[in-house]
C-alpha cells in the first residue's frame, strides 16, 4: 500500500503518510469486523455475502461516497455516522485537502490575456462537502469513529459465536 500513496502524488509529509496508512488499516479492520459478524450470524455463505454487500452499499450511499451529504434528506442525515466509508473518505480528504491551494492554469493560448486566476484553498472544498477540518479532533474523530464501529461489530461477533450450539 505505501507505493500507492507516493504514486498518487499525495502530500509528501511523513505525518500525512502514516495517517493514510493508519486510516486504511482501520478501515480494513472495521470492514472485516462487519463481515465476520455477518458470517457468525448467518449459517449460509450466500446469505451472509448478500447481506454484507447490501450493508456496504448502504454505507457508501449514506456516507457521502455516492451521494453528496448536502443533497440527502435531513431526516436521513444521521445515517452518515454509521458508515465506515464516511470516516475513511472524510479523514483522507481532511488530511490531504486542508493544506492545499488550487489555482487554475493560466490561459497561454491568447497572448497578452489578463491573468485573472483566483486560487482557492482546499478548505473551501471541505466546507462544501460538509466535512469538519478546523481542529486536530476533526482529523482524529474519523479514526475514533471507525474504531468504535470495529469494536462494536467484534463484540457482536463474539456474542454470536458464544450463542452457537457446541456439539460434544
N, C-alpha and C. Protein backbone atom coordinates (compact mmCIF):
# COMPACT_ATOMS: atom_id res chain seq x y z
N UNK A 1 0.80 -1.20 0.00
CA UNK A 1 0.00 0.00 0.00
C UNK A 1 0.85 1.28 0.00
N UNK A 2 2.03 1.28 0.61
CA UNK A 2 2.79 2.54 0.64
C UNK A 2 3.11 3.10 -0.73
N UNK A 3 3.31 2.26 -1.72
CA UNK A 3 3.68 2.78 -3.04
C UNK A 3 2.52 3.55 -3.67
N UNK A 4 1.29 3.17 -3.34
CA UNK A 4 0.12 3.87 -3.89
C UNK A 4 0.08 5.33 -3.43
N UNK A 5 0.49 5.57 -2.21
CA UNK A 5 0.48 6.93 -1.67
C UNK A 5 1.38 7.84 -2.49
N UNK A 6 2.58 7.38 -2.76
CA UNK A 6 3.54 8.22 -3.49
C UNK A 6 3.20 8.29 -4.97
N UNK A 7 2.66 7.21 -5.54
CA UNK A 7 2.28 7.23 -6.96
C UNK A 7 1.11 8.17 -7.22
N UNK A 8 0.23 8.33 -6.23
CA UNK A 8 -0.92 9.22 -6.39
C UNK A 8 -0.53 10.68 -6.24
N UNK A 9 0.67 10.95 -5.79
CA UNK A 9 1.13 12.33 -5.66
C UNK A 9 0.51 13.05 -4.47
N UNK A 10 0.22 12.31 -3.41
CA UNK A 10 -0.36 12.93 -2.22
C UNK A 10 0.71 13.71 -1.47
N UNK A 11 0.32 14.36 -0.39
CA UNK A 11 1.24 15.23 0.35
C UNK A 11 2.53 14.51 0.72
N UNK A 12 3.67 15.07 0.38
CA UNK A 12 4.94 14.42 0.71
C UNK A 12 5.38 14.73 2.15
N UNK A 13 4.54 14.37 3.10
CA UNK A 13 4.83 14.59 4.51
C UNK A 13 4.72 13.26 5.24
N UNK A 14 5.59 13.04 6.19
CA UNK A 14 5.62 11.78 6.93
C UNK A 14 4.34 11.59 7.74
N UNK A 15 3.88 12.64 8.40
CA UNK A 15 2.67 12.54 9.21
C UNK A 15 1.44 12.20 8.38
N UNK A 16 1.32 12.83 7.23
CA UNK A 16 0.18 12.55 6.34
C UNK A 16 0.25 11.13 5.81
N UNK A 17 1.46 10.65 5.52
CA UNK A 17 1.62 9.28 5.03
C UNK A 17 1.20 8.27 6.08
N UNK A 18 1.65 8.44 7.33
CA UNK A 18 1.30 7.48 8.37
C UNK A 18 -0.17 7.57 8.75
N UNK A 19 -0.76 8.75 8.67
CA UNK A 19 -2.21 8.87 8.90
C UNK A 19 -2.97 8.12 7.81
N UNK A 20 -2.53 8.23 6.58
CA UNK A 20 -3.12 7.50 5.46
C UNK A 20 -3.07 6.00 5.72
N UNK A 21 -1.91 5.50 6.10
CA UNK A 21 -1.74 4.07 6.38
C UNK A 21 -2.60 3.63 7.55
N UNK A 22 -2.63 4.43 8.61
CA UNK A 22 -3.44 4.09 9.79
C UNK A 22 -4.92 4.03 9.44
N UNK A 23 -5.40 5.03 8.73
CA UNK A 23 -6.82 5.08 8.41
C UNK A 23 -7.23 3.95 7.48
N UNK A 24 -6.41 3.62 6.51
CA UNK A 24 -6.75 2.50 5.62
C UNK A 24 -6.69 1.17 6.36
N UNK A 25 -5.76 1.02 7.28
CA UNK A 25 -5.69 -0.22 8.06
C UNK A 25 -6.92 -0.37 8.95
N UNK A 26 -7.32 0.70 9.60
CA UNK A 26 -8.50 0.64 10.47
C UNK A 26 -9.77 0.44 9.64
N UNK A 27 -9.84 1.02 8.46
CA UNK A 27 -10.98 0.78 7.58
C UNK A 27 -11.07 -0.69 7.20
N UNK A 28 -9.94 -1.29 6.90
CA UNK A 28 -9.91 -2.72 6.57
C UNK A 28 -10.35 -3.56 7.76
N UNK A 29 -9.88 -3.22 8.95
CA UNK A 29 -10.26 -3.97 10.15
C UNK A 29 -11.74 -3.80 10.47
N UNK A 30 -12.29 -2.60 10.27
CA UNK A 30 -13.71 -2.38 10.51
C UNK A 30 -14.56 -3.16 9.52
N UNK A 31 -14.16 -3.17 8.26
CA UNK A 31 -14.90 -3.95 7.25
C UNK A 31 -14.81 -5.44 7.56
N UNK A 32 -13.65 -5.89 8.03
CA UNK A 32 -13.50 -7.30 8.40
C UNK A 32 -14.37 -7.65 9.60
N UNK A 33 -14.49 -6.72 10.55
CA UNK A 33 -15.34 -6.96 11.72
C UNK A 33 -16.80 -7.11 11.31
N UNK A 34 -17.25 -6.27 10.39
CA UNK A 34 -18.63 -6.36 9.90
C UNK A 34 -18.85 -7.68 9.19
N UNK A 35 -17.93 -8.05 8.32
CA UNK A 35 -18.06 -9.31 7.58
C UNK A 35 -17.99 -10.51 8.52
N UNK A 36 -17.14 -10.45 9.53
CA UNK A 36 -17.04 -11.55 10.49
C UNK A 36 -18.32 -11.69 11.30
N UNK A 37 -18.91 -10.57 11.69
CA UNK A 37 -20.18 -10.63 12.41
C UNK A 37 -21.28 -11.25 11.54
N UNK A 38 -21.33 -10.85 10.28
CA UNK A 38 -22.35 -11.41 9.39
C UNK A 38 -22.12 -12.90 9.16
N UNK A 39 -20.87 -13.31 9.07
CA UNK A 39 -20.60 -14.74 8.86
C UNK A 39 -20.92 -15.54 10.12
N UNK A 40 -20.81 -14.93 11.29
CA UNK A 40 -21.20 -15.62 12.52
C UNK A 40 -22.71 -15.63 12.70
N UNK A 41 -23.40 -14.69 12.09
CA UNK A 41 -24.85 -14.59 12.24
C UNK A 41 -25.59 -15.54 11.31
N UNK A 42 -25.16 -15.63 10.06
CA UNK A 42 -25.86 -16.44 9.06
C UNK A 42 -25.11 -17.74 8.82
N UNK A 43 -25.88 -18.82 8.70
CA UNK A 43 -25.25 -20.13 8.50
C UNK A 43 -24.90 -20.38 7.04
N UNK A 44 -25.59 -19.72 6.13
CA UNK A 44 -25.31 -19.91 4.70
C UNK A 44 -24.41 -18.79 4.20
N UNK A 45 -23.36 -19.17 3.49
CA UNK A 45 -22.40 -18.19 2.97
C UNK A 45 -23.06 -17.21 2.01
N UNK A 46 -23.95 -17.70 1.16
CA UNK A 46 -24.60 -16.85 0.16
C UNK A 46 -25.43 -15.74 0.80
N UNK A 47 -26.15 -16.07 1.86
CA UNK A 47 -26.96 -15.05 2.55
C UNK A 47 -26.06 -14.03 3.22
N UNK A 48 -25.02 -14.49 3.90
CA UNK A 48 -24.09 -13.56 4.55
C UNK A 48 -23.43 -12.64 3.52
N UNK A 49 -23.08 -13.18 2.38
CA UNK A 49 -22.45 -12.40 1.32
C UNK A 49 -23.39 -11.31 0.80
N UNK A 50 -24.65 -11.66 0.59
CA UNK A 50 -25.63 -10.69 0.09
C UNK A 50 -25.88 -9.60 1.13
N UNK A 51 -26.02 -9.99 2.40
CA UNK A 51 -26.30 -9.01 3.46
C UNK A 51 -25.12 -8.05 3.62
N UNK A 52 -23.90 -8.56 3.60
CA UNK A 52 -22.72 -7.69 3.71
C UNK A 52 -22.64 -6.75 2.52
N UNK A 53 -22.92 -7.26 1.33
CA UNK A 53 -22.88 -6.40 0.13
C UNK A 53 -23.91 -5.29 0.21
N UNK A 54 -25.12 -5.62 0.62
CA UNK A 54 -26.17 -4.61 0.74
C UNK A 54 -25.81 -3.59 1.82
N UNK A 55 -25.27 -4.07 2.93
CA UNK A 55 -24.88 -3.17 4.01
C UNK A 55 -23.78 -2.20 3.55
N UNK A 56 -22.80 -2.71 2.82
CA UNK A 56 -21.73 -1.84 2.34
C UNK A 56 -22.23 -0.83 1.30
N UNK A 57 -23.18 -1.23 0.47
CA UNK A 57 -23.76 -0.29 -0.50
C UNK A 57 -24.51 0.82 0.24
N UNK A 58 -25.29 0.46 1.27
CA UNK A 58 -25.97 1.49 2.05
C UNK A 58 -24.96 2.41 2.75
N UNK A 59 -23.86 1.85 3.23
CA UNK A 59 -22.83 2.69 3.84
C UNK A 59 -22.21 3.64 2.82
N UNK A 60 -22.03 3.17 1.59
CA UNK A 60 -21.49 4.05 0.56
C UNK A 60 -22.46 5.16 0.21
N UNK A 61 -23.75 4.83 0.12
CA UNK A 61 -24.76 5.83 -0.24
C UNK A 61 -24.89 6.88 0.86
N UNK A 62 -25.08 6.44 2.10
CA UNK A 62 -25.35 7.38 3.19
C UNK A 62 -24.08 7.95 3.81
N UNK A 63 -22.93 7.48 3.41
CA UNK A 63 -21.68 8.03 3.92
C UNK A 63 -21.12 9.15 3.08
N UNK A 64 -21.77 9.49 1.99
CA UNK A 64 -21.31 10.57 1.14
C UNK A 64 -20.40 10.13 0.02
N UNK A 65 -20.22 8.84 -0.16
CA UNK A 65 -19.35 8.34 -1.22
C UNK A 65 -20.05 8.39 -2.57
N UNK A 66 -21.32 8.04 -2.62
CA UNK A 66 -22.07 8.03 -3.88
C UNK A 66 -23.00 9.23 -4.02
N UNK A 67 -23.48 9.76 -2.91
CA UNK A 67 -24.40 10.90 -2.91
C UNK A 67 -23.81 11.98 -2.00
N UNK A 68 -23.82 13.21 -2.46
CA UNK A 68 -23.35 14.32 -1.65
C UNK A 68 -24.22 14.44 -0.40
N UNK A 69 -23.59 14.61 0.75
CA UNK A 69 -24.32 14.65 2.00
C UNK A 69 -25.28 15.82 2.09
N UNK A 70 -24.97 16.92 1.42
CA UNK A 70 -25.87 18.08 1.46
C UNK A 70 -27.15 17.84 0.68
N UNK A 71 -27.13 16.95 -0.30
CA UNK A 71 -28.33 16.69 -1.09
C UNK A 71 -29.21 15.61 -0.46
N UNK A 72 -28.78 15.04 0.64
CA UNK A 72 -29.54 13.99 1.31
C UNK A 72 -30.61 14.63 2.20
N UNK A 73 -31.73 13.94 2.34
CA UNK A 73 -32.81 14.44 3.19
C UNK A 73 -32.32 14.58 4.63
N UNK A 74 -32.80 15.61 5.31
CA UNK A 74 -32.33 15.89 6.67
C UNK A 74 -32.65 14.76 7.63
N UNK A 75 -33.76 14.09 7.44
CA UNK A 75 -34.14 13.02 8.36
C UNK A 75 -33.33 11.75 8.13
N UNK A 76 -32.55 11.70 7.05
CA UNK A 76 -31.66 10.57 6.79
C UNK A 76 -30.19 10.89 7.09
N UNK A 77 -29.91 12.13 7.44
CA UNK A 77 -28.51 12.54 7.58
C UNK A 77 -27.80 11.86 8.75
N UNK A 78 -28.52 11.36 9.72
CA UNK A 78 -27.88 10.68 10.85
C UNK A 78 -27.23 9.36 10.43
N UNK A 79 -27.64 8.81 9.30
CA UNK A 79 -27.07 7.54 8.84
C UNK A 79 -25.61 7.67 8.43
N UNK A 80 -25.15 8.88 8.20
CA UNK A 80 -23.75 9.08 7.82
C UNK A 80 -22.79 8.62 8.92
N UNK A 81 -23.24 8.67 10.16
CA UNK A 81 -22.37 8.30 11.27
C UNK A 81 -22.22 6.79 11.43
N UNK A 82 -22.97 6.01 10.66
CA UNK A 82 -22.88 4.55 10.71
C UNK A 82 -22.05 3.99 9.57
N UNK A 83 -21.44 4.85 8.78
CA UNK A 83 -20.73 4.43 7.58
C UNK A 83 -19.22 4.47 7.77
N UNK A 84 -18.57 3.34 7.51
CA UNK A 84 -17.10 3.34 7.58
C UNK A 84 -16.51 4.13 6.41
N UNK A 85 -17.25 4.22 5.33
CA UNK A 85 -16.77 4.97 4.17
C UNK A 85 -16.74 6.47 4.45
N UNK A 86 -17.68 6.95 5.23
CA UNK A 86 -17.71 8.37 5.59
C UNK A 86 -16.47 8.72 6.40
N UNK A 87 -16.15 7.88 7.37
CA UNK A 87 -14.98 8.17 8.20
C UNK A 87 -13.68 8.04 7.40
N UNK A 88 -13.62 7.06 6.56
CA UNK A 88 -12.41 6.86 5.77
C UNK A 88 -12.21 8.00 4.77
N UNK A 89 -13.25 8.28 4.00
CA UNK A 89 -13.15 9.33 3.00
C UNK A 89 -12.98 10.70 3.65
N UNK A 90 -13.71 10.95 4.73
CA UNK A 90 -13.59 12.22 5.42
C UNK A 90 -12.21 12.44 6.00
N UNK A 91 -11.64 11.40 6.59
CA UNK A 91 -10.30 11.53 7.15
C UNK A 91 -9.24 11.74 6.09
N UNK A 92 -9.33 10.98 5.01
CA UNK A 92 -8.34 11.12 3.94
C UNK A 92 -8.45 12.48 3.26
N UNK A 93 -9.68 12.93 3.01
CA UNK A 93 -9.85 14.25 2.38
C UNK A 93 -9.38 15.36 3.30
N UNK A 94 -9.69 15.26 4.58
CA UNK A 94 -9.27 16.30 5.52
C UNK A 94 -7.75 16.37 5.62
N UNK A 95 -7.12 15.23 5.72
CA UNK A 95 -5.65 15.21 5.83
C UNK A 95 -4.99 15.77 4.58
N UNK A 96 -5.57 15.51 3.44
CA UNK A 96 -4.95 15.91 2.18
C UNK A 96 -5.31 17.34 1.77
N UNK A 97 -6.56 17.71 1.89
CA UNK A 97 -7.05 18.95 1.28
C UNK A 97 -6.86 20.20 2.12
N UNK A 98 -6.78 20.07 3.43
CA UNK A 98 -6.79 21.28 4.25
C UNK A 98 -5.54 22.14 4.10
N UNK A 99 -4.47 21.57 3.57
CA UNK A 99 -3.26 22.37 3.40
C UNK A 99 -2.95 22.68 1.94
N UNK A 100 -3.89 22.36 1.04
CA UNK A 100 -3.64 22.59 -0.39
C UNK A 100 -4.32 23.87 -0.88
N UNK A 101 -3.76 24.43 -1.94
CA UNK A 101 -4.36 25.57 -2.64
C UNK A 101 -4.42 25.21 -4.11
N UNK A 102 -5.58 25.46 -4.72
CA UNK A 102 -5.79 25.11 -6.12
C UNK A 102 -5.88 26.38 -6.96
N UNK A 103 -5.05 26.44 -7.99
CA UNK A 103 -5.04 27.58 -8.90
C UNK A 103 -5.26 27.08 -10.32
N UNK A 104 -6.17 27.71 -11.06
CA UNK A 104 -6.36 27.30 -12.45
C UNK A 104 -5.14 27.64 -13.29
N UNK A 105 -4.96 26.91 -14.35
CA UNK A 105 -3.83 27.13 -15.25
C UNK A 105 -4.05 28.43 -16.01
N UNK A 106 -2.98 29.19 -16.20
CA UNK A 106 -3.06 30.44 -16.95
C UNK A 106 -3.35 30.16 -18.42
N UNK A 107 -4.19 30.98 -19.01
CA UNK A 107 -4.53 30.83 -20.43
C UNK A 107 -3.35 31.32 -21.26
N UNK A 108 -2.61 30.40 -21.84
CA UNK A 108 -1.43 30.78 -22.61
C UNK A 108 -1.70 30.83 -24.10
N UNK A 109 -2.92 30.48 -24.52
CA UNK A 109 -3.20 30.46 -25.96
C UNK A 109 -3.46 31.86 -26.52
N UNK A 110 -3.81 32.80 -25.66
CA UNK A 110 -4.07 34.17 -26.11
C UNK A 110 -2.96 35.06 -25.56
N UNK A 111 -2.09 35.57 -26.45
CA UNK A 111 -1.02 36.45 -25.96
C UNK A 111 -1.59 37.76 -25.43
N UNK A 112 -1.07 38.17 -24.29
CA UNK A 112 -1.50 39.43 -23.70
C UNK A 112 -2.79 39.32 -22.92
N UNK A 113 -3.34 38.12 -22.75
CA UNK A 113 -4.58 37.95 -21.98
C UNK A 113 -4.30 38.25 -20.51
N UNK A 114 -5.26 38.89 -19.84
CA UNK A 114 -5.04 39.21 -18.42
C UNK A 114 -4.99 37.93 -17.57
N UNK A 115 -4.17 37.98 -16.56
CA UNK A 115 -4.05 36.84 -15.64
C UNK A 115 -5.03 37.06 -14.49
N UNK A 116 -6.24 36.58 -14.65
CA UNK A 116 -7.27 36.79 -13.62
C UNK A 116 -7.60 35.48 -12.90
N UNK A 117 -6.57 34.74 -12.58
CA UNK A 117 -6.77 33.49 -11.85
C UNK A 117 -7.16 33.79 -10.41
N UNK A 118 -8.06 32.98 -9.90
CA UNK A 118 -8.42 33.09 -8.49
C UNK A 118 -8.15 31.74 -7.84
N UNK A 119 -7.15 31.72 -6.99
CA UNK A 119 -6.79 30.48 -6.29
C UNK A 119 -7.78 30.23 -5.16
N UNK A 120 -8.06 28.95 -4.92
CA UNK A 120 -8.97 28.56 -3.84
C UNK A 120 -8.29 27.52 -2.97
N UNK A 121 -8.57 27.60 -1.69
CA UNK A 121 -7.96 26.65 -0.76
C UNK A 121 -8.76 25.35 -0.73
N UNK A 122 -8.11 24.30 -0.27
CA UNK A 122 -8.77 23.01 -0.15
C UNK A 122 -9.84 23.01 0.93
N UNK A 123 -9.72 23.94 1.88
CA UNK A 123 -10.74 24.02 2.93
C UNK A 123 -12.10 24.44 2.36
N UNK A 124 -12.09 25.15 1.26
CA UNK A 124 -13.35 25.51 0.60
C UNK A 124 -14.08 24.26 0.12
N UNK A 125 -13.33 23.31 -0.44
CA UNK A 125 -13.93 22.04 -0.86
C UNK A 125 -14.44 21.25 0.34
N UNK A 126 -13.66 21.22 1.42
CA UNK A 126 -14.09 20.50 2.62
C UNK A 126 -15.36 21.11 3.20
N UNK A 127 -15.44 22.43 3.19
CA UNK A 127 -16.64 23.11 3.68
C UNK A 127 -17.83 22.79 2.78
N UNK A 128 -17.60 22.75 1.48
CA UNK A 128 -18.66 22.44 0.53
C UNK A 128 -19.16 21.00 0.70
N UNK A 129 -18.28 20.10 1.07
CA UNK A 129 -18.66 18.70 1.29
C UNK A 129 -19.17 18.45 2.71
N UNK A 130 -19.25 19.49 3.51
CA UNK A 130 -19.75 19.41 4.89
C UNK A 130 -18.86 18.51 5.75
N UNK A 131 -17.55 18.62 5.56
CA UNK A 131 -16.59 17.85 6.34
C UNK A 131 -15.88 18.78 7.32
N UNK A 132 -15.88 18.45 8.62
CA UNK A 132 -15.15 19.30 9.57
C UNK A 132 -13.64 19.17 9.37
N UNK A 133 -12.92 20.28 9.52
CA UNK A 133 -11.49 20.26 9.22
C UNK A 133 -10.67 21.18 10.10
N UNK A 134 -11.27 21.98 10.94
CA UNK A 134 -10.56 23.08 11.59
C UNK A 134 -9.61 22.64 12.70
N UNK A 135 -9.94 21.59 13.44
CA UNK A 135 -9.11 21.21 14.59
C UNK A 135 -8.49 19.84 14.37
N UNK A 136 -7.57 19.49 15.27
CA UNK A 136 -6.95 18.16 15.20
C UNK A 136 -7.99 17.08 15.51
N UNK A 137 -8.97 17.40 16.36
CA UNK A 137 -10.01 16.42 16.67
C UNK A 137 -10.83 16.08 15.42
N UNK A 138 -11.02 17.04 14.55
CA UNK A 138 -11.75 16.78 13.31
C UNK A 138 -11.03 15.73 12.47
N UNK A 139 -9.73 15.70 12.55
CA UNK A 139 -8.95 14.71 11.83
C UNK A 139 -9.01 13.35 12.52
N UNK A 140 -8.83 13.34 13.83
CA UNK A 140 -8.76 12.08 14.57
C UNK A 140 -10.13 11.51 14.91
N UNK A 141 -11.19 12.30 14.79
CA UNK A 141 -12.53 11.76 15.04
C UNK A 141 -12.89 10.70 14.01
N UNK A 142 -12.32 10.78 12.83
CA UNK A 142 -12.57 9.76 11.81
C UNK A 142 -11.96 8.42 12.21
N UNK A 143 -10.78 8.45 12.79
CA UNK A 143 -10.15 7.23 13.29
C UNK A 143 -10.97 6.69 14.46
N UNK A 144 -11.36 7.57 15.36
CA UNK A 144 -12.14 7.17 16.53
C UNK A 144 -13.48 6.56 16.14
N UNK A 145 -14.16 7.14 15.16
CA UNK A 145 -15.44 6.60 14.70
C UNK A 145 -15.30 5.21 14.13
N UNK A 146 -14.26 4.99 13.36
CA UNK A 146 -14.06 3.65 12.79
C UNK A 146 -13.66 2.64 13.85
N UNK A 147 -12.87 3.06 14.81
CA UNK A 147 -12.51 2.14 15.90
C UNK A 147 -13.75 1.75 16.69
N UNK A 148 -14.65 2.69 16.93
CA UNK A 148 -15.89 2.36 17.63
C UNK A 148 -16.74 1.37 16.83
N UNK A 149 -16.87 1.58 15.54
CA UNK A 149 -17.62 0.64 14.70
C UNK A 149 -16.96 -0.73 14.72
N UNK A 150 -15.65 -0.76 14.64
CA UNK A 150 -14.91 -2.03 14.65
C UNK A 150 -15.13 -2.77 15.97
N UNK A 151 -14.97 -2.09 17.09
CA UNK A 151 -15.16 -2.73 18.40
C UNK A 151 -16.59 -3.21 18.56
N UNK A 152 -17.56 -2.40 18.14
CA UNK A 152 -18.97 -2.77 18.24
C UNK A 152 -19.24 -4.08 17.49
N UNK A 153 -18.76 -4.19 16.27
CA UNK A 153 -19.03 -5.39 15.50
C UNK A 153 -18.22 -6.59 15.98
N UNK A 154 -17.04 -6.38 16.52
CA UNK A 154 -16.30 -7.50 17.11
C UNK A 154 -17.01 -8.02 18.37
N UNK A 155 -17.57 -7.13 19.16
CA UNK A 155 -18.34 -7.56 20.34
C UNK A 155 -19.58 -8.32 19.91
N UNK A 156 -20.30 -7.80 18.90
CA UNK A 156 -21.47 -8.52 18.39
C UNK A 156 -21.08 -9.89 17.84
N UNK A 157 -19.96 -9.97 17.18
CA UNK A 157 -19.48 -11.25 16.64
C UNK A 157 -19.17 -12.22 17.78
N UNK A 158 -18.55 -11.72 18.83
CA UNK A 158 -18.26 -12.57 19.99
C UNK A 158 -19.54 -13.12 20.59
N UNK A 159 -20.55 -12.26 20.74
CA UNK A 159 -21.84 -12.70 21.28
C UNK A 159 -22.46 -13.76 20.38
N UNK A 160 -22.42 -13.54 19.08
CA UNK A 160 -22.99 -14.52 18.15
C UNK A 160 -22.24 -15.85 18.22
N UNK A 161 -20.94 -15.81 18.32
CA UNK A 161 -20.16 -17.05 18.40
C UNK A 161 -20.42 -17.79 19.71
N UNK A 162 -20.66 -17.06 20.79
CA UNK A 162 -20.99 -17.70 22.07
C UNK A 162 -22.35 -18.38 22.03
N UNK A 163 -23.24 -17.89 21.18
CA UNK A 163 -24.59 -18.45 21.09
C UNK A 163 -24.65 -19.72 20.25
N UNK A 164 -23.62 -20.03 19.52
CA UNK A 164 -23.62 -21.23 18.67
C UNK A 164 -23.60 -22.47 19.56
N UNK A 165 -24.46 -23.44 19.22
CA UNK A 165 -24.50 -24.69 19.99
C UNK A 165 -23.23 -25.49 19.75
N UNK A 166 -22.69 -26.00 20.84
CA UNK A 166 -21.49 -26.82 20.76
C UNK A 166 -21.90 -28.28 20.78
N UNK A 167 -21.37 -29.04 19.87
CA UNK A 167 -21.66 -30.47 19.82
C UNK A 167 -20.57 -31.23 20.55
N UNK A 168 -20.98 -32.10 21.47
CA UNK A 168 -19.99 -32.87 22.25
C UNK A 168 -19.96 -34.30 21.81
